[in-house]
Protein backbone atom coordinates (compact mmCIF):
# COMPACT_ATOMS: atom_id res chain seq x y z
CA MET A 1 -32.22 -72.77 8.81
CA ARG A 2 -30.06 -73.83 6.03
CA THR A 3 -27.81 -70.71 4.83
CA ALA A 4 -26.31 -67.81 6.84
CA LEU A 5 -24.55 -65.04 5.45
CA VAL A 6 -22.34 -62.98 7.71
CA VAL A 7 -21.42 -59.15 6.45
CA CYS A 8 -18.60 -57.48 8.14
CA ALA A 9 -16.14 -54.57 7.63
CA HIS A 10 -12.51 -56.09 7.83
CA PRO A 11 -10.57 -59.73 7.81
CA ASP A 12 -10.84 -60.56 11.65
CA ASP A 13 -13.71 -59.03 12.37
CA VAL A 14 -16.26 -61.67 12.42
CA ASP A 15 -13.47 -63.92 13.99
CA PHE A 16 -13.18 -61.80 17.22
CA GLY A 17 -16.93 -61.30 17.79
CA ALA A 18 -18.56 -64.00 16.11
CA ALA A 19 -16.58 -67.05 14.98
CA GLY A 20 -17.68 -69.14 18.26
CA THR A 21 -21.58 -68.84 16.92
CA VAL A 22 -20.06 -69.54 13.12
CA ALA A 23 -18.47 -73.02 14.49
CA VAL A 24 -21.93 -73.53 16.19
CA TRP A 25 -24.23 -73.03 12.81
CA THR A 26 -21.77 -75.03 10.37
CA ALA A 27 -21.39 -77.87 13.45
CA ALA A 28 -25.15 -78.05 13.18
CA GLY A 29 -24.94 -78.31 9.07
CA ILE A 30 -25.76 -74.83 8.27
CA ALA A 31 -24.05 -73.31 5.30
CA VAL A 32 -22.66 -70.13 6.10
CA THR A 33 -20.73 -67.76 3.55
CA TYR A 34 -18.88 -64.68 4.61
CA CYS A 35 -19.28 -61.09 3.01
CA LEU A 36 -16.37 -58.85 3.78
CA CYS A 37 -16.79 -55.34 2.54
CA THR A 38 -12.90 -54.32 2.50
CA SER A 39 -9.55 -56.01 2.53
CA GLY A 40 -8.11 -54.50 5.61
CA GLU A 41 -5.71 -52.62 3.31
CA ALA A 42 -5.69 -49.63 5.80
CA SER A 43 -4.13 -51.67 8.88
CA GLY A 44 -0.45 -51.63 9.85
CA ASP A 45 2.37 -49.45 10.20
CA GLY A 46 2.04 -47.98 6.51
CA SER A 47 5.51 -49.81 5.32
CA ARG A 48 3.95 -52.18 3.20
CA PRO A 49 2.01 -51.41 -0.18
CA ALA A 50 -1.69 -51.43 0.57
CA GLU A 51 -2.29 -54.11 -2.07
CA GLU A 52 0.63 -56.08 -0.32
CA VAL A 53 -1.48 -55.87 3.41
CA ALA A 54 -4.82 -56.83 1.81
CA ALA A 55 -3.39 -59.84 -0.21
CA VAL A 56 -1.99 -61.11 3.37
CA ARG A 57 -5.13 -59.99 5.00
CA ARG A 58 -7.54 -62.05 2.46
CA ALA A 59 -5.40 -65.13 3.09
CA GLU A 60 -6.02 -64.91 6.94
CA GLN A 61 -9.28 -64.35 6.52
CA ARG A 62 -10.04 -67.80 4.19
CA ALA A 63 -7.52 -69.86 6.46
CA ALA A 64 -9.59 -68.08 9.59
CA ALA A 65 -13.05 -69.11 7.88
CA ALA A 66 -11.86 -72.96 7.39
CA GLU A 67 -10.93 -73.24 10.94
CA VAL A 68 -14.91 -72.68 11.63
CA GLY A 69 -16.20 -74.84 8.58
CA VAL A 70 -16.65 -71.81 6.17
CA THR A 71 -15.54 -72.48 2.72
CA GLU A 72 -17.11 -69.28 0.79
CA VAL A 73 -15.68 -65.90 1.22
CA ILE A 74 -16.40 -62.91 -0.76
CA PHE A 75 -14.45 -59.65 -1.09
CA LEU A 76 -16.29 -56.66 -2.41
CA GLU A 77 -13.09 -54.48 -2.27
CA HIS A 78 -14.54 -51.35 -0.71
CA ALA A 79 -11.45 -49.32 0.30
CA ASP A 80 -10.70 -49.53 4.09
CA GLY A 81 -11.38 -46.65 6.03
CA THR A 82 -13.75 -45.03 4.19
CA VAL A 83 -16.80 -47.24 4.36
CA GLU A 84 -20.45 -45.62 4.01
CA PRO A 85 -23.80 -46.87 3.61
CA THR A 86 -23.62 -45.51 -0.09
CA ILE A 87 -26.09 -46.84 -2.91
CA ALA A 88 -23.11 -48.63 -3.97
CA LEU A 89 -22.60 -50.83 -1.14
CA ARG A 90 -26.35 -51.16 -0.71
CA ARG A 91 -26.45 -52.59 -4.33
CA ASP A 92 -23.12 -55.08 -3.84
CA LEU A 93 -24.64 -56.13 -0.56
CA THR A 94 -28.21 -56.74 -2.63
CA ARG A 95 -26.43 -58.58 -4.87
CA VAL A 96 -24.60 -61.33 -2.31
CA ILE A 97 -28.02 -61.83 -0.46
CA ARG A 98 -29.70 -62.50 -3.90
CA GLN A 99 -27.03 -64.93 -4.85
CA VAL A 100 -26.85 -66.53 -1.35
CA ARG A 101 -30.24 -66.59 -0.36
CA PRO A 102 -29.76 -66.70 3.03
CA ASP A 103 -32.28 -67.61 6.11
CA ARG A 104 -30.20 -65.45 8.42
CA VAL A 105 -27.90 -62.44 8.02
CA LEU A 106 -25.47 -61.56 10.82
CA THR A 107 -23.76 -58.06 10.53
CA TRP A 108 -22.28 -55.44 12.77
CA SER A 109 -24.63 -53.08 15.06
CA PRO A 110 -25.14 -49.48 12.89
CA GLU A 111 -24.95 -47.94 16.75
CA ILE A 112 -22.28 -47.29 19.33
CA ASN A 113 -21.58 -49.88 21.81
CA TRP A 114 -20.26 -47.13 24.25
CA ALA A 115 -19.38 -49.45 26.47
CA MET A 116 -16.15 -50.80 24.34
CA VAL A 117 -15.55 -47.75 21.89
CA ALA A 118 -12.20 -50.13 20.56
CA THR A 119 -14.67 -51.96 18.71
CA ALA A 120 -17.09 -49.11 17.25
CA HIS A 121 -14.96 -48.69 13.87
CA PRO A 122 -16.85 -46.11 11.55
CA ASP A 123 -16.51 -48.86 8.98
CA HIS A 124 -18.64 -51.49 11.41
CA ARG A 125 -21.54 -48.94 11.94
CA ALA A 126 -21.53 -48.23 8.06
CA VAL A 127 -21.64 -51.90 7.17
CA GLY A 128 -24.52 -52.47 9.76
CA ALA A 129 -26.47 -49.71 8.36
CA ALA A 130 -25.89 -50.77 4.54
CA THR A 131 -26.32 -54.50 5.55
CA PHE A 132 -29.73 -53.66 7.22
CA ALA A 133 -30.76 -51.42 4.21
CA ALA A 134 -30.05 -54.31 1.87
CA VAL A 135 -32.09 -56.75 3.84
CA TYR A 136 -34.56 -54.40 4.45
CA PRO A 137 -35.94 -53.53 1.83
CA ASP A 138 -33.38 -53.63 -1.16
CA ALA A 139 -33.23 -57.29 -1.48
CA ARG A 140 -36.95 -58.28 -1.29
CA ASN A 141 -37.81 -55.27 -3.43
CA PRO A 142 -37.69 -56.10 -7.60
CA ASN A 143 -37.37 -52.50 -7.88
CA ALA A 144 -34.59 -51.96 -6.27
CA HIS A 145 -31.19 -51.96 -7.85
CA PRO A 146 -33.56 -53.37 -10.96
CA ALA A 147 -30.25 -54.09 -13.12
CA LEU A 148 -29.55 -56.99 -10.54
CA LEU A 149 -32.92 -58.83 -11.87
CA ARG A 150 -32.78 -57.53 -15.00
CA ASP A 151 -29.26 -57.84 -16.10
CA GLU A 152 -27.81 -60.68 -13.88
CA GLY A 153 -31.30 -62.55 -13.25
CA LEU A 154 -30.95 -62.28 -9.44
CA ALA A 155 -34.80 -62.81 -8.15
CA PRO A 156 -35.73 -61.03 -5.02
CA TRP A 157 -35.02 -62.74 -1.48
CA THR A 158 -36.79 -61.96 1.81
CA VAL A 159 -34.16 -62.69 4.79
CA PRO A 160 -36.52 -63.51 7.82
CA GLU A 161 -33.73 -62.58 10.53
CA LEU A 162 -31.02 -60.34 11.17
CA TRP A 163 -28.18 -60.64 14.26
CA LEU A 164 -26.67 -57.79 14.79
CA ALA A 165 -22.99 -58.39 16.69
CA ASP A 166 -21.43 -55.31 19.00
CA ALA A 167 -25.14 -53.59 19.64
CA PRO A 168 -25.33 -51.46 22.84
CA GLU A 169 -25.46 -53.98 25.88
CA ARG A 170 -29.10 -53.14 26.68
CA LEU A 171 -30.09 -54.31 23.45
CA ARG A 172 -28.41 -57.55 23.42
CA ASP A 173 -31.09 -60.21 23.54
CA HIS A 174 -29.57 -63.71 22.82
CA ALA A 175 -26.64 -65.41 23.44
CA VAL A 176 -25.03 -68.64 22.28
CA ASP A 177 -23.06 -70.91 24.04
CA ILE A 178 -19.86 -71.34 21.98
CA THR A 179 -18.50 -73.58 25.38
CA GLU A 180 -17.45 -76.43 22.81
CA HIS A 181 -15.91 -74.20 20.02
CA PHE A 182 -13.90 -71.94 21.99
CA THR A 183 -10.70 -73.93 20.55
CA ARG A 184 -12.04 -73.66 17.03
CA ARG A 185 -13.12 -70.01 17.82
CA MET A 186 -9.68 -68.92 18.79
CA ALA A 187 -7.98 -70.57 15.86
CA ALA A 188 -9.67 -69.02 13.56
CA LEU A 189 -8.63 -66.09 15.75
CA ARG A 190 -5.20 -66.65 15.96
CA ALA A 191 -4.95 -67.27 11.74
CA HIS A 192 -4.97 -63.27 11.57
CA VAL A 193 -1.09 -63.46 12.58
CA SER A 194 -0.65 -59.89 10.66
CA GLN A 195 -3.16 -58.77 13.37
CA VAL A 196 -3.05 -60.25 16.59
CA GLY A 197 0.57 -61.97 16.52
CA ASP A 198 1.78 -64.31 19.58
CA ASN A 199 -0.51 -62.36 21.99
CA PRO A 200 0.25 -64.66 24.87
CA GLY A 201 -2.92 -63.18 26.46
CA LEU A 202 -5.28 -63.49 23.82
CA GLU A 203 -6.99 -66.74 25.15
CA ALA A 204 -7.53 -65.09 28.47
CA GLY A 205 -8.78 -61.90 27.37
CA MET A 206 -11.60 -63.84 24.72
CA ARG A 207 -12.18 -66.62 27.82
CA ALA A 208 -13.20 -63.71 30.41
CA HIS A 209 -15.16 -61.45 27.87
CA PHE A 210 -17.54 -64.66 26.74
CA THR A 211 -17.55 -65.67 30.65
CA ALA A 212 -19.32 -62.51 31.39
CA ALA A 213 -21.53 -62.49 28.44
CA ALA A 214 -22.76 -66.21 29.57
CA ALA A 215 -23.31 -65.16 33.09
CA ARG A 216 -25.38 -61.93 31.54
CA HIS A 217 -27.81 -64.14 29.97
CA GLY A 218 -28.08 -66.73 32.91
CA LEU A 219 -25.84 -69.44 31.85
CA PRO A 220 -24.05 -71.95 34.26
CA PRO A 221 -20.81 -71.11 35.26
CA GLY A 222 -17.80 -72.00 33.40
CA ARG A 223 -19.78 -71.62 30.30
CA LEU A 224 -19.01 -69.16 27.45
CA ALA A 225 -21.49 -67.25 25.41
CA GLU A 226 -21.11 -64.56 22.29
CA GLU A 227 -24.13 -62.00 22.30
CA PHE A 228 -26.16 -60.43 19.20
CA GLN A 229 -29.28 -58.63 19.42
CA VAL A 230 -31.73 -60.28 17.23
CA VAL A 231 -34.49 -58.76 14.66
CA ASP A 232 -37.18 -60.29 12.53
CA THR A 233 -36.99 -58.75 9.20
CA SER A 234 -39.29 -61.13 7.71
């Protein structure tokens, strides 16, 4: 493992669901790149222009990334709230995969997690479906999106491993112990001031959530874990 790519729909998605894991990876010397399909401009109460909201949320995501050791953050600028797994999105993600050439891709599950509907945003699932299609078969296929190879010189790349966040609970087969990096992942989440504000119960809620995840995977009492469905895509 030398490189990893995290693909999500909105600023803050990775920091709610996987920033502890990212901190574990970067601490181990793995270079992690973030790819955001939107800039989160559909959030808020509608009182500010979308362009202003997008600028704030992009800045917050870059600050959050820095808290867990990520320096490269890519924004694809697809429209927030209307993401679909189109050929255009698959092409854009294939481009990023061929540029980054990651050993592992982490994205959101294309399936609905019925146990926590609040996280089952249609954009999340659309990004998961498009990312899976970009991983397999598009990025490895020289005949997929031929202009990427012909005009941009981006050679095919095979991603051997796909990690899915927020999959249905029965499919989550891997846990990452984030106990030592919990403070860093909370600092990343707190960087999204426009979304979490000064929520006094945020840390306690996150700690309880990750304590339960650790227990499900047999970790000792007091440990915290993020959990994923891991798919062999080699």
